[in-house]
Amino acid sequence: MTDAQLWALIIGFLASPQVIAVINQPTWSKGARTMVMVTMSVIVGFGSAYFSEQFAGRSVLSCVLIAAVAAGGAYKFLFKPVGLAPALERATSPRPPRPVS
């Protein structure tokens, strides 16, 4: 495993699910929420390849895929069951205005 791939795995597992949960809104469709995860994985993959000075076709693609699998797995099997991701989503979602009494 290259340095770029290792960084994509670490960032994808530890940071991406939290950032994704902050961006996602509970009312969004599954497709919209998936696009946020894919976009975040592309950013992490490109960034880890670029900053590890391994910015070439196959290296970038493998970093993006590793980041996507790490983020998806961490979200589904750790952050969501523990309740951290749903709590972050609720906390960062806009609240409807209160009625004036």
Protein backbone atom coordinates (compact mmCIF):
# COMPACT_ATOMS: atom_id res chain seq x y z
CA MET A 1 0.00 0.00 0.00
CA THR A 2 1.39 3.40 -0.99
CA ASP A 3 1.52 6.45 1.25
CA ALA A 4 -1.27 8.08 -0.75
CA GLN A 5 -3.51 5.03 -0.36
CA LEU A 6 -2.78 4.85 3.35
CA TRP A 7 -3.70 8.51 3.81
CA ALA A 8 -6.89 8.01 1.79
CA LEU A 9 -7.80 5.10 4.07
CA ILE A 10 -7.09 7.01 7.28
CA ILE A 11 -8.86 10.21 6.25
CA GLY A 12 -11.71 8.29 4.64
CA PHE A 13 -12.29 6.28 7.80
CA LEU A 14 -11.74 8.88 10.52
CA ALA A 15 -12.74 12.25 9.05
CA SER A 16 -14.99 11.71 6.04
CA PRO A 17 -18.03 10.25 7.88
CA GLN A 18 -18.09 13.22 10.24
CA VAL A 19 -17.79 15.79 7.45
CA ILE A 20 -20.42 13.94 5.41
CA ALA A 21 -22.79 13.92 8.41
CA VAL A 22 -22.34 17.67 8.88
CA ILE A 23 -23.18 18.33 5.21
CA ASN A 24 -26.04 15.84 4.84
CA GLN A 25 -29.56 16.78 5.86
CA PRO A 26 -32.02 14.21 7.26
CA THR A 27 -34.66 15.25 4.72
CA TRP A 28 -32.47 14.66 1.65
CA SER A 29 -33.03 11.68 -0.62
CA LYS A 30 -30.71 8.69 -0.51
CA GLY A 31 -29.32 9.67 -3.91
CA ALA A 32 -28.40 13.17 -2.74
CA ARG A 33 -26.76 11.77 0.39
CA THR A 34 -24.80 9.28 -1.72
CA MET A 35 -23.58 12.07 -3.99
CA VAL A 36 -22.21 13.90 -0.95
CA MET A 37 -20.26 10.76 0.02
CA VAL A 38 -18.95 10.28 -3.53
CA THR A 39 -17.91 13.93 -3.78
CA MET A 40 -16.14 13.75 -0.43
CA SER A 41 -14.35 10.55 -1.49
CA VAL A 42 -13.15 12.19 -4.71
CA ILE A 43 -11.83 15.17 -2.74
CA VAL A 44 -10.04 12.91 -0.23
CA GLY A 45 -8.64 10.67 -2.99
CA PHE A 46 -7.36 13.55 -5.09
CA GLY A 47 -5.96 15.33 -2.06
CA SER A 48 -4.15 12.33 -0.63
CA ALA A 49 -2.61 11.50 -4.03
CA TYR A 50 -1.63 15.11 -4.67
CA PHE A 51 -0.06 15.77 -1.27
CA SER A 52 1.76 12.42 -1.35
CA GLU A 53 3.22 13.41 -4.74
CA GLN A 54 1.68 10.35 -6.40
CA PHE A 55 -0.78 12.22 -8.61
CA ALA A 56 -1.06 9.80 -11.54
CA GLY A 57 -4.07 8.05 -13.08
CA ARG A 58 -4.04 4.69 -11.33
CA SER A 59 -2.86 6.09 -8.02
CA VAL A 60 -5.61 8.73 -7.95
CA LEU A 61 -8.30 6.21 -8.87
CA SER A 62 -7.18 3.76 -6.19
CA CYS A 63 -7.12 6.55 -3.59
CA VAL A 64 -10.65 7.64 -4.50
CA LEU A 65 -11.94 4.05 -4.29
CA ILE A 66 -10.16 3.39 -0.99
CA ALA A 67 -11.55 6.62 0.48
CA ALA A 68 -15.07 5.71 -0.69
CA VAL A 69 -14.96 2.22 0.80
CA ALA A 70 -13.45 3.48 4.06
CA ALA A 71 -15.98 6.31 4.42
CA GLY A 72 -18.96 4.11 3.52
CA GLY A 73 -17.87 1.33 5.84
CA ALA A 74 -17.11 3.63 8.74
CA TYR A 75 -20.44 5.43 8.32
CA LYS A 76 -22.54 2.27 8.01
CA PHE A 77 -20.82 0.09 10.60
CA LEU A 78 -19.53 2.60 13.16
CA PHE A 79 -20.81 6.17 13.03
CA LYS A 80 -24.46 5.39 12.21
CA PRO A 81 -25.03 2.51 14.71
CA VAL A 82 -23.37 4.47 17.52
CA GLY A 83 -25.63 7.42 16.71
CA LEU A 84 -22.91 9.97 16.02
CA ALA A 85 -23.74 10.55 12.34
CA PRO A 86 -27.51 11.01 12.86
CA ALA A 87 -26.84 13.35 15.80
CA LEU A 88 -24.47 15.47 13.69
CA GLU A 89 -27.02 15.57 10.87
CA ARG A 90 -29.78 16.75 13.20
CA ALA A 91 -27.53 19.29 14.92
CA THR A 92 -26.41 20.88 11.66
CA SER A 93 -29.79 20.89 9.91
CA PRO A 94 -31.76 24.12 9.68
CA ARG A 95 -34.69 24.21 12.04
CA PRO A 96 -38.09 25.47 10.96
CA PRO A 97 -38.92 28.88 12.39
CA ARG A 98 -40.93 28.95 15.60
CA PRO A 99 -44.43 30.36 15.41
CA VAL A 100 -44.75 33.77 17.01
CA SER A 101 -47.18 33.71 19.89
